[in-house]
PDB file of N, CA and C in Angstrom:
ATOM      1  N   MET A   1     102.026  74.097  83.923  1.00  0.00           N
ATOM      2  CA  MET A   1     103.013  74.742  84.749  1.00  0.00           C
ATOM      3  C   MET A   1     103.277  73.958  86.025  1.00  0.00           C
ATOM      4  N   SER A   2     102.275  73.247  86.525  1.00  0.00           N
ATOM      5  CA  SER A   2     102.506  72.450  87.735  1.00  0.00           C
ATOM      6  C   SER A   2     102.705  70.990  87.357  1.00  0.00           C
ATOM      7  N   ASP A   3     103.735  70.409  87.898  1.00  0.00           N
ATOM      8  CA  ASP A   3     104.071  69.018  87.632  1.00  0.00           C
ATOM      9  C   ASP A   3     103.634  68.198  88.840  1.00  0.00           C
ATOM     10  N   SER A   4     102.521  67.494  88.717  1.00  0.00           N
ATOM     11  CA  SER A   4     101.951  66.797  89.871  1.00  0.00           C
ATOM     12  C   SER A   4     102.816  65.639  90.341  1.00  0.00           C
ATOM     13  N   SER A   5     103.634  65.064  89.472  1.00  0.00           N
ATOM     14  CA  SER A   5     104.456  63.926  89.877  1.00  0.00           C
ATOM     15  C   SER A   5     105.636  64.349  90.737  1.00  0.00           C
ATOM     16  N   ASN A   6     106.108  65.577  90.543  1.00  0.00           N
ATOM     17  CA  ASN A   6     107.287  66.005  91.293  1.00  0.00           C
ATOM     18  C   ASN A   6     107.126  67.436  91.789  1.00  0.00           C
ATOM     19  N   GLY A   7     105.885  67.841  92.065  1.00  0.00           N
ATOM     20  CA  GLY A   7     105.617  69.198  92.514  1.00  0.00           C
ATOM     21  C   GLY A   7     105.987  69.385  93.976  1.00  0.00           C
ATOM     22  N   PRO A   8     105.759  70.582  94.484  1.00  0.00           N
ATOM     23  CA  PRO A   8     106.080  70.837  95.878  1.00  0.00           C
ATOM     24  C   PRO A   8     105.216  69.982  96.806  1.00  0.00           C
ATOM     25  N   GLU A   9     105.819  69.582  97.903  1.00  0.00           N
ATOM     26  CA  GLU A   9     105.115  68.743  98.866  1.00  0.00           C
ATOM     27  C   GLU A   9     104.033  69.544  99.571  1.00  0.00           C
ATOM     28  N   LYS A  10     102.890  68.928  99.778  1.00  0.00           N
ATOM     29  CA  LYS A  10     101.794  69.570 100.498  1.00  0.00           C
ATOM     30  C   LYS A  10     102.094  69.512 101.993  1.00  0.00           C
ATOM     31  N   TRP A  11     102.078  70.653 102.640  1.00  0.00           N
ATOM     32  CA  TRP A  11     102.348  70.731 104.071  1.00  0.00           C
ATOM     33  C   TRP A  11     101.058  70.463 104.842  1.00  0.00           C
ATOM     34  N   GLU A  12     101.161  69.666 105.892  1.00  0.00           N
ATOM     35  CA  GLU A  12     100.022  69.414 106.779  1.00  0.00           C
ATOM     36  C   GLU A  12     100.342  70.029 108.126  1.00  0.00           C
ATOM     37  N   LEU A  13      99.537  71.019 108.499  1.00  0.00           N
ATOM     38  CA  LEU A  13      99.749  71.756 109.730  1.00  0.00           C
ATOM     39  C   LEU A  13      98.539  71.587 110.646  1.00  0.00           C
ATOM     40  N   ARG A  14      98.803  71.482 111.934  1.00  0.00           N
ATOM     41  CA  ARG A  14      97.740  71.328 112.918  1.00  0.00           C
ATOM     42  C   ARG A  14      97.948  72.395 113.992  1.00  0.00           C
ATOM     43  N   LEU A  15      96.932  73.227 114.188  1.00  0.00           N
ATOM     44  CA  LEU A  15      97.008  74.289 115.185  1.00  0.00           C
ATOM     45  C   LEU A  15      96.092  73.939 116.350  1.00  0.00           C
ATOM     46  N   TYR A  16      96.696  73.807 117.521  1.00  0.00           N
ATOM     47  CA  TYR A  16      95.927  73.541 118.744  1.00  0.00           C
ATOM     48  C   TYR A  16      95.599  74.860 119.409  1.00  0.00           C
ATOM     49  N   THR A  17      94.302  75.078 119.675  1.00  0.00           N
ATOM     50  CA  THR A  17      93.837  76.305 120.311  1.00  0.00           C
ATOM     51  C   THR A  17      92.964  75.953 121.506  1.00  0.00           C
ATOM     52  N   ALA A  18      92.576  76.991 122.247  1.00  0.00           N
ATOM     53  CA  ALA A  18      91.654  76.808 123.370  1.00  0.00           C
ATOM     54  C   ALA A  18      90.540  77.834 123.219  1.00  0.00           C
ATOM     55  N   GLY A  19      89.553  77.488 122.424  1.00  0.00           N
ATOM     56  CA  GLY A  19      88.449  78.408 122.186  1.00  0.00           C
ATOM     57  C   GLY A  19      88.867  79.582 121.316  1.00  0.00           C
ATOM     58  N   GLN A  20      88.132  80.676 121.434  1.00  0.00           N
ATOM     59  CA  GLN A  20      88.388  81.865 120.615  1.00  0.00           C
ATOM     60  C   GLN A  20      89.128  82.935 121.421  1.00  0.00           C
ATOM     61  N   THR A  21      90.165  82.540 122.143  1.00  0.00           N
ATOM     62  CA  THR A  21      90.949  83.511 122.897  1.00  0.00           C
ATOM     63  C   THR A  21      91.703  84.411 121.919  1.00  0.00           C
ATOM     64  N   PRO A  22      92.088  85.603 122.363  1.00  0.00           N
ATOM     65  CA  PRO A  22      92.840  86.490 121.467  1.00  0.00           C
ATOM     66  C   PRO A  22      94.113  85.834 120.915  1.00  0.00           C
ATOM     67  N   LYS A  23      94.837  85.083 121.736  1.00  0.00           N
ATOM     68  CA  LYS A  23      96.057  84.427 121.254  1.00  0.00           C
ATOM     69  C   LYS A  23      95.730  83.354 120.219  1.00  0.00           C
ATOM     70  N   SER A  24      94.675  82.598 120.422  1.00  0.00           N
ATOM     71  CA  SER A  24      94.287  81.559 119.471  1.00  0.00           C
ATOM     72  C   SER A  24      93.861  82.162 118.140  1.00  0.00           C
ATOM     73  N   VAL A  25      93.072  83.235 118.189  1.00  0.00           N
ATOM     74  CA  VAL A  25      92.623  83.907 116.971  1.00  0.00           C
ATOM     75  C   VAL A  25      93.820  84.501 116.232  1.00  0.00           C
ATOM     76  N   ALA A  26      94.741  85.122 116.974  1.00  0.00           N
ATOM     77  CA  ALA A  26      95.942  85.713 116.364  1.00  0.00           C
ATOM     78  C   ALA A  26      96.813  84.631 115.742  1.00  0.00           C
ATOM     79  N   ALA A  27      96.955  83.507 116.433  1.00  0.00           N
ATOM     80  CA  ALA A  27      97.788  82.418 115.915  1.00  0.00           C
ATOM     81  C   ALA A  27      97.254  81.926 114.577  1.00  0.00           C
ATOM     82  N   LEU A  28      95.949  81.745 114.458  1.00  0.00           N
ATOM     83  CA  LEU A  28      95.371  81.267 113.201  1.00  0.00           C
ATOM     84  C   LEU A  28      95.545  82.311 112.096  1.00  0.00           C
ATOM     85  N   ALA A  29      95.308  83.566 112.411  1.00  0.00           N
ATOM     86  CA  ALA A  29      95.470  84.623 111.402  1.00  0.00           C
ATOM     87  C   ALA A  29      96.927  84.714 110.948  1.00  0.00           C
ATOM     88  N   ASN A  30      97.851  84.669 111.889  1.00  0.00           N
ATOM     89  CA  ASN A  30      99.273  84.737 111.544  1.00  0.00           C
ATOM     90  C   ASN A  30      99.701  83.522 110.733  1.00  0.00           C
ATOM     91  N   LEU A  31      99.202  82.350 111.107  1.00  0.00           N
ATOM     92  CA  LEU A  31      99.541  81.131 110.379  1.00  0.00           C
ATOM     93  C   LEU A  31      99.047  81.203 108.939  1.00  0.00           C
ATOM     94  N   LYS A  32      97.814  81.638 108.755  1.00  0.00           N
ATOM     95  CA  LYS A  32      97.270  81.752 107.396  1.00  0.00           C
ATOM     96  C   LYS A  32      98.093  82.720 106.562  1.00  0.00           C
ATOM     97  N   ARG A  33      98.502  83.837 107.150  1.00  0.00           N
ATOM     98  CA  ARG A  33      99.302  84.828 106.431  1.00  0.00           C
ATOM     99  C   ARG A  33     100.651  84.241 106.021  1.00  0.00           C
ATOM    100  N   VAL A  34     101.330  83.580 106.947  1.00  0.00           N
ATOM    101  CA  VAL A  34     102.634  82.977 106.650  1.00  0.00           C
ATOM    102  C   VAL A  34     102.488  81.919 105.559  1.00  0.00           C
ATOM    103  N   CYS A  35     101.457  81.092 105.660  1.00  0.00           N
ATOM    104  CA  CYS A  35     101.255  80.034 104.667  1.00  0.00           C
ATOM    105  C   CYS A  35     100.980  80.603 103.285  1.00  0.00           C
ATOM    106  N   GLU A  36     100.138  81.624 103.195  1.00  0.00           N
ATOM    107  CA  GLU A  36      99.836  82.217 101.888  1.00  0.00           C
ATOM    108  C   GLU A  36     101.074  82.851 101.278  1.00  0.00           C
ATOM    109  N   GLU A  37     101.893  83.492 102.107  1.00  0.00           N
ATOM    110  CA  GLU A  37     103.080  84.167 101.595  1.00  0.00           C
ATOM    111  C   GLU A  37     104.185  83.185 101.196  1.00  0.00           C
ATOM    112  N   HIS A  38     104.297  82.047 101.909  1.00  0.00           N
ATOM    113  CA  HIS A  38     105.463  81.182 101.714  1.00  0.00           C
ATOM    114  C   HIS A  38     105.147  79.787 101.181  1.00  0.00           C
ATOM    115  N   LEU A  39     103.891  79.361 101.257  1.00  0.00           N
ATOM    116  CA  LEU A  39     103.537  78.026 100.770  1.00  0.00           C
ATOM    117  C   LEU A  39     102.543  78.065  99.608  1.00  0.00           C
ATOM    118  N   ALA A  40     101.963  79.212  99.352  1.00  0.00           N
ATOM    119  CA  ALA A  40     101.116  79.459  98.183  1.00  0.00           C
ATOM    120  C   ALA A  40     100.196  78.302  97.804  1.00  0.00           C
ATOM    121  N   GLY A  41      99.303  77.932  98.718  1.00  0.00           N
ATOM    122  CA  GLY A  41      98.312  76.910  98.400  1.00  0.00           C
ATOM    123  C   GLY A  41      98.767  75.477  98.606  1.00  0.00           C
ATOM    124  N   ASN A  42     100.023  75.253  98.927  1.00  0.00           N
ATOM    125  CA  ASN A  42     100.531  73.897  99.130  1.00  0.00           C
ATOM    126  C   ASN A  42     100.495  73.509 100.602  1.00  0.00           C
ATOM    127  N   TYR A  43      99.363  73.760 101.242  1.00  0.00           N
ATOM    128  CA  TYR A  43      99.261  73.464 102.665  1.00  0.00           C
ATOM    129  C   TYR A  43      97.817  73.190 103.057  1.00  0.00           C
ATOM    130  N   SER A  44      97.652  72.529 104.184  1.00  0.00           N
ATOM    131  CA  SER A  44      96.338  72.396 104.798  1.00  0.00           C
ATOM    132  C   SER A  44      96.507  72.677 106.281  1.00  0.00           C
ATOM    133  N   ILE A  45      95.519  73.356 106.852  1.00  0.00           N
ATOM    134  CA  ILE A  45      95.542  73.694 108.270  1.00  0.00           C
ATOM    135  C   ILE A  45      94.355  73.019 108.936  1.00  0.00           C
ATOM    136  N   GLU A  46      94.647  72.244 109.965  1.00  0.00           N
ATOM    137  CA  GLU A  46      93.605  71.641 110.787  1.00  0.00           C
ATOM    138  C   GLU A  46      93.652  72.344 112.134  1.00  0.00           C
ATOM    139  N   VAL A  47      92.535  72.946 112.530  1.00  0.00           N
ATOM    140  CA  VAL A  47      92.470  73.628 113.822  1.00  0.00           C
ATOM    141  C   VAL A  47      91.777  72.703 114.805  1.00  0.00           C
ATOM    142  N   ILE A  48      92.448  72.446 115.930  1.00  0.00           N
ATOM    143  CA  ILE A  48      91.881  71.586 116.961  1.00  0.00           C
ATOM    144  C   ILE A  48      91.640  72.433 118.203  1.00  0.00           C
ATOM    145  N   ASP A  49      90.381  72.577 118.556  1.00  0.00           N
ATOM    146  CA  ASP A  49      89.988  73.358 119.733  1.00  0.00           C
ATOM    147  C   ASP A  49      89.965  72.416 120.934  1.00  0.00           C
ATOM    148  N   LEU A  50      90.924  72.591 121.822  1.00  0.00           N
ATOM    149  CA  LEU A  50      91.027  71.693 122.974  1.00  0.00           C
ATOM    150  C   LEU A  50      89.942  71.938 124.008  1.00  0.00           C
ATOM    151  N   MET A  51      89.190  73.021 123.874  1.00  0.00           N
ATOM    152  CA  MET A  51      88.023  73.225 124.741  1.00  0.00           C
ATOM    153  C   MET A  51      86.936  72.208 124.364  1.00  0.00           C
ATOM    154  N   LYS A  52      86.890  71.829 123.072  1.00  0.00           N
ATOM    155  CA  LYS A  52      85.897  70.872 122.589  1.00  0.00           C
ATOM    156  C   LYS A  52      86.424  69.441 122.632  1.00  0.00           C
ATOM    157  N   ASN A  53      87.715  69.252 122.370  1.00  0.00           N
ATOM    158  CA  ASN A  53      88.309  67.915 122.307  1.00  0.00           C
ATOM    159  C   ASN A  53      89.615  67.861 123.106  1.00  0.00           C
ATOM    160  N   PRO A  54      89.550  67.947 124.424  1.00  0.00           N
ATOM    161  CA  PRO A  54      90.786  67.992 125.216  1.00  0.00           C
ATOM    162  C   PRO A  54      91.653  66.744 125.077  1.00  0.00           C
ATOM    163  N   ARG A  55      91.060  65.601 124.764  1.00  0.00           N
ATOM    164  CA  ARG A  55      91.839  64.363 124.644  1.00  0.00           C
ATOM    165  C   ARG A  55      92.810  64.384 123.459  1.00  0.00           C
ATOM    166  N   LEU A  56      92.529  65.215 122.459  1.00  0.00           N
ATOM    167  CA  LEU A  56      93.385  65.275 121.278  1.00  0.00           C
ATOM    168  C   LEU A  56      94.756  65.873 121.581  1.00  0.00           C
ATOM    169  N   ALA A  57      94.904  66.546 122.703  1.00  0.00           N
ATOM    170  CA  ALA A  57      96.205  67.132 123.063  1.00  0.00           C
ATOM    171  C   ALA A  57      97.240  66.043 123.309  1.00  0.00           C
ATOM    172  N   LYS A  58      96.796  64.896 123.728  1.00  0.00           N
ATOM    173  CA  LYS A  58      97.723  63.819 124.061  1.00  0.00           C
ATOM    174  C   LYS A  58      98.465  63.292 122.832  1.00  0.00           C
ATOM    175  N   GLU A  59      97.802  63.230 121.700  1.00  0.00           N
ATOM    176  CA  GLU A  59      98.388  62.669 120.474  1.00  0.00           C
ATOM    177  C   GLU A  59      99.694  63.365 120.092  1.00  0.00           C
ATOM    178  N   ASP A  60      99.703  64.698 120.145  1.00  0.00           N
ATOM    179  CA  ASP A  60     100.899  65.448 119.777  1.00  0.00           C
ATOM    180  C   ASP A  60     101.632  66.013 121.002  1.00  0.00           C
ATOM    181  N   GLU A  61     101.272  65.518 122.185  1.00  0.00           N
ATOM    182  CA  GLU A  61     101.920  65.932 123.435  1.00  0.00           C
ATOM    183  C   GLU A  61     101.928  67.452 123.586  1.00  0.00           C
ATOM    184  N   ILE A  62     100.749  68.038 123.526  1.00  0.00           N
ATOM    185  CA  ILE A  62     100.601  69.487 123.614  1.00  0.00           C
ATOM    186  C   ILE A  62     100.632  69.901 125.082  1.00  0.00           C
ATOM    187  N   ILE A  63     101.530  70.846 125.395  1.00  0.00           N
ATOM    188  CA  ILE A  63     101.650  71.305 126.786  1.00  0.00           C
ATOM    189  C   ILE A  63     101.323  72.783 126.938  1.00  0.00           C
ATOM    190  N   ALA A  64     101.162  73.503 125.838  1.00  0.00           N
ATOM    191  CA  ALA A  64     100.838  74.927 125.888  1.00  0.00           C
ATOM    192  C   ALA A  64      99.945  75.267 124.700  1.00  0.00           C
ATOM    193  N   ILE A  65      99.207  76.355 124.846  1.00  0.00           N
ATOM    194  CA  ILE A  65      98.268  76.780 123.804  1.00  0.00           C
ATOM    195  C   ILE A  65      98.545  78.237 123.476  1.00  0.00           C
ATOM    196  N   PRO A  66      98.496  78.669 122.248  1.00  0.00           N
ATOM    197  CA  PRO A  66      98.370  77.854 121.041  1.00  0.00           C
ATOM    198  C   PRO A  66      99.691  77.179 120.659  1.00  0.00           C
ATOM    199  N   THR A  67      99.582  76.012 120.044  1.00  0.00           N
ATOM    200  CA  THR A  67     100.742  75.287 119.532  1.00  0.00           C
ATOM    201  C   THR A  67     100.467  74.873 118.092  1.00  0.00           C
ATOM    202  N   LEU A  68     101.450  75.124 117.239  1.00  0.00           N
ATOM    203  CA  LEU A  68     101.378  74.687 115.849  1.00  0.00           C
ATOM    204  C   LEU A  68     102.245  73.452 115.697  1.00  0.00           C
ATOM    205  N   VAL A  69     101.695  72.422 115.064  1.00  0.00           N
ATOM    206  CA  VAL A  69     102.446  71.192 114.802  1.00  0.00           C
ATOM    207  C   VAL A  69     102.538  71.013 113.294  1.00  0.00           C
ATOM    208  N   ARG A  70     103.762  70.866 112.803  1.00  0.00           N
ATOM    209  CA  ARG A  70     103.975  70.554 111.386  1.00  0.00           C
ATOM    210  C   ARG A  70     104.056  69.037 111.277  1.00  0.00           C
ATOM    211  N   LYS A  71     103.021  68.434 110.703  1.00  0.00           N
ATOM    212  CA  LYS A  71     102.962  66.973 110.560  1.00  0.00           C
ATOM    213  C   LYS A  71     103.774  66.523 109.340  1.00  0.00           C
ATOM    214  N   ILE A  72     103.551  67.199 108.215  1.00  0.00           N
ATOM    215  CA  ILE A  72     104.251  66.887 106.967  1.00  0.00           C
ATOM    216  C   ILE A  72     104.713  68.213 106.388  1.00  0.00           C
ATOM    217  N   PRO A  73     105.925  68.348 105.922  1.00  0.00           N
ATOM    218  CA  PRO A  73     106.943  67.307 105.761  1.00  0.00           C
ATOM    219  C   PRO A  73     107.622  66.958 107.093  1.00  0.00           C
ATOM    220  N   ALA A  74     108.138  65.734 107.131  1.00  0.00           N
ATOM    221  CA  ALA A  74     108.870  65.276 108.304  1.00  0.00           C
ATOM    222  C   ALA A  74     110.193  66.035 108.374  1.00  0.00           C
ATOM    223  N   PRO A  75     110.789  66.182 109.525  1.00  0.00           N
ATOM    224  CA  PRO A  75     110.332  65.677 110.817  1.00  0.00           C
ATOM    225  C   PRO A  75     109.261  66.586 111.421  1.00  0.00           C
ATOM    226  N   LEU A  76     108.519  66.031 112.361  1.00  0.00           N
ATOM    227  CA  LEU A  76     107.497  66.784 113.066  1.00  0.00           C
ATOM    228  C   LEU A  76     108.154  67.961 113.779  1.00  0.00           C
ATOM    229  N   ARG A  77     107.526  69.124 113.688  1.00  0.00           N
ATOM    230  CA  ARG A  77     108.036  70.333 114.344  1.00  0.00           C
ATOM    231  C   ARG A  77     106.895  70.969 115.118  1.00  0.00           C
ATOM    232  N   LYS A  78     107.226  71.604 116.264  1.00  0.00           N
ATOM    233  CA  LYS A  78     106.221  72.298 117.065  1.00  0.00           C
ATOM    234  C   LYS A  78     106.672  73.718 117.334  1.00  0.00           C
ATOM    235  N   ILE A  79     105.710  74.632 117.279  1.00  0.00           N
ATOM    236  CA  ILE A  79     105.964  76.029 117.621  1.00  0.00           C
ATOM    237  C   ILE A  79     104.874  76.456 118.593  1.00  0.00           C
ATOM    238  N   ILE A  80     105.281  76.957 119.743  1.00  0.00           N
ATOM    239  CA  ILE A  80     104.335  77.426 120.755  1.00  0.00           C
ATOM    240  C   ILE A  80     104.235  78.940 120.649  1.00  0.00           C
ATOM    241  N   GLY A  81     103.009  79.449 120.690  1.00  0.00           N
ATOM    242  CA  GLY A  81     102.798  80.893 120.673  1.00  0.00           C
ATOM    243  C   GLY A  81     101.866  81.307 119.556  1.00  0.00           C
ATOM    244  N   ASP A  82     101.660  82.624 119.440  1.00  0.00           N
ATOM    245  CA  ASP A  82     100.678  83.129 118.475  1.00  0.00           C
ATOM    246  C   ASP A  82     101.262  83.405 117.091  1.00  0.00           C
ATOM    247  N   LEU A  83     102.536  83.042 116.875  1.00  0.00           N
ATOM    248  CA  LEU A  83     103.193  83.157 115.569  1.00  0.00           C
ATOM    249  C   LEU A  83     103.309  84.600 115.093  1.00  0.00           C
ATOM    250  N   SER A  84     103.264  85.560 116.027  1.00  0.00           N
ATOM    251  CA  SER A  84     103.350  86.964 115.639  1.00  0.00           C
ATOM    252  C   SER A  84     104.760  87.340 115.190  1.00  0.00           C
ATOM    253  N   ASN A  85     105.772  86.604 115.631  1.00  0.00           N
ATOM    254  CA  ASN A  85     107.137  86.832 115.176  1.00  0.00           C
ATOM    255  C   ASN A  85     107.332  85.991 113.913  1.00  0.00           C
ATOM    256  N   THR A  86     107.139  86.619 112.764  1.00  0.00           N
ATOM    257  CA  THR A  86     107.158  85.898 111.492  1.00  0.00           C
ATOM    258  C   THR A  86     108.481  85.195 111.256  1.00  0.00           C
ATOM    259  N   GLU A  87     109.590  85.881 111.523  1.00  0.00           N
ATOM    260  CA  GLU A  87     110.909  85.289 111.290  1.00  0.00           C
ATOM    261  C   GLU A  87     111.078  84.013 112.116  1.00  0.00           C
ATOM    262  N   ARG A  88     110.684  84.070 113.384  1.00  0.00           N
ATOM    263  CA  ARG A  88     110.785  82.899 114.267  1.00  0.00           C
ATOM    264  C   ARG A  88     109.891  81.763 113.773  1.00  0.00           C
ATOM    265  N   ALA A  89     108.694  82.107 113.297  1.00  0.00           N
ATOM    266  CA  ALA A  89     107.775  81.095 112.773  1.00  0.00           C
ATOM    267  C   ALA A  89     108.363  80.423 111.529  1.00  0.00           C
ATOM    268  N   LEU A  90     108.962  81.213 110.637  1.00  0.00           N
ATOM    269  CA  LEU A  90     109.544  80.656 109.409  1.00  0.00           C
ATOM    270  C   LEU A  90     110.706  79.720 109.717  1.00  0.00           C
ATOM    271  N   VAL A  91     111.556  80.132 110.648  1.00  0.00           N
ATOM    272  CA  VAL A  91     112.685  79.276 111.032  1.00  0.00           C
ATOM    273  C   VAL A  91     112.168  78.031 111.741  1.00  0.00           C
ATOM    274  N   GLY A  92     111.185  78.200 112.618  1.00  0.00           N
ATOM    275  CA  GLY A  92     110.618  77.070 113.350  1.00  0.00           C
ATOM    276  C   GLY A  92     109.977  76.036 112.432  1.00  0.00           C
ATOM    277  N   LEU A  93     109.337  76.509 111.391  1.00  0.00           N
ATOM    278  CA  LEU A  93     108.713  75.604 110.411  1.00  0.00           C
ATOM    279  C   LEU A  93     109.725  75.089 109.398  1.00  0.00           C
ATOM    280  N   GLN A  94     110.922  75.618 109.450  1.00  0.00           N
ATOM    281  CA  GLN A  94     111.983  75.312 108.489  1.00  0.00           C
ATOM    282  C   GLN A  94     111.599  75.752 107.082  1.00  0.00           C
ATOM    283  N   LEU A  95     110.905  76.867 106.997  1.00  0.00           N
ATOM    284  CA  LEU A  95     110.613  77.496 105.706  1.00  0.00           C
ATOM    285  C   LEU A  95     111.754  78.411 105.304  1.00  0.00           C
ATOM    286  N   ARG A  96     112.545  78.812 106.283  1.00  0.00           N
ATOM    287  CA  ARG A  96     113.688  79.675 106.023  1.00  0.00           C
ATOM    288  C   ARG A  96     114.864  79.143 106.840  1.00  0.00           C
ATOM    289  N   PRO A  97     116.033  79.008 106.225  1.00  0.00           N
ATOM    290  CA  PRO A  97     117.199  78.532 106.971  1.00  0.00           C
ATOM    291  C   PRO A  97     117.609  79.531 108.041  1.00  0.00           C
ATOM    292  N   ARG A  98     118.288  79.023 109.059  1.00  0.00           N
ATOM    293  CA  ARG A  98     118.729  79.892 110.146  1.00  0.00           C
ATOM    294  C   ARG A  98     119.730  80.938 109.663  1.00  0.00           C
ATOM    295  N   THR A  99     120.554  80.573 108.675  1.00  0.00           N
ATOM    296  CA  THR A  99     121.508  81.526 108.101  1.00  0.00           C
ATOM    297  C   THR A  99     121.307  81.560 106.606  1.00  0.00           C
ATOM    298  N   ASP A 100     121.176  82.746 106.065  1.00  0.00           N
ATOM    299  CA  ASP A 100     121.011  82.899 104.612  1.00  0.00           C
ATOM    300  C   ASP A 100     122.378  82.888 103.952  1.00  0.00           C
ATOM    301  N   SER A 101     122.536  82.072 102.907  1.00  0.00           N
ATOM    302  CA  SER A 101     123.824  81.985 102.218  1.00  0.00           C
ATOM    303  C   SER A 101     123.851  82.930 101.038  1.00  0.00           C
TER     304      SER A 101
END
């Protein structure tokens, strides 16, 4: 049923957090929910805790926490916040078009 040569692209997502703050915990939970509902296993999430590795914020030019960075598929996209607004998260990740045809 799955065609590995031309299957869906694996999404690479990176979530920048600052420890276990309520917003960081909510962002990860919301991200996992959105991914399971809309990407069905075709994704990987890397969580980067800037309390432990503050220098990593420079690579993706992180200016606020939590921030989600979509590395793949291109182009790179960033969403700031806890991803509680599912519709905004889907549009931001380009999982859903801005206007439904």
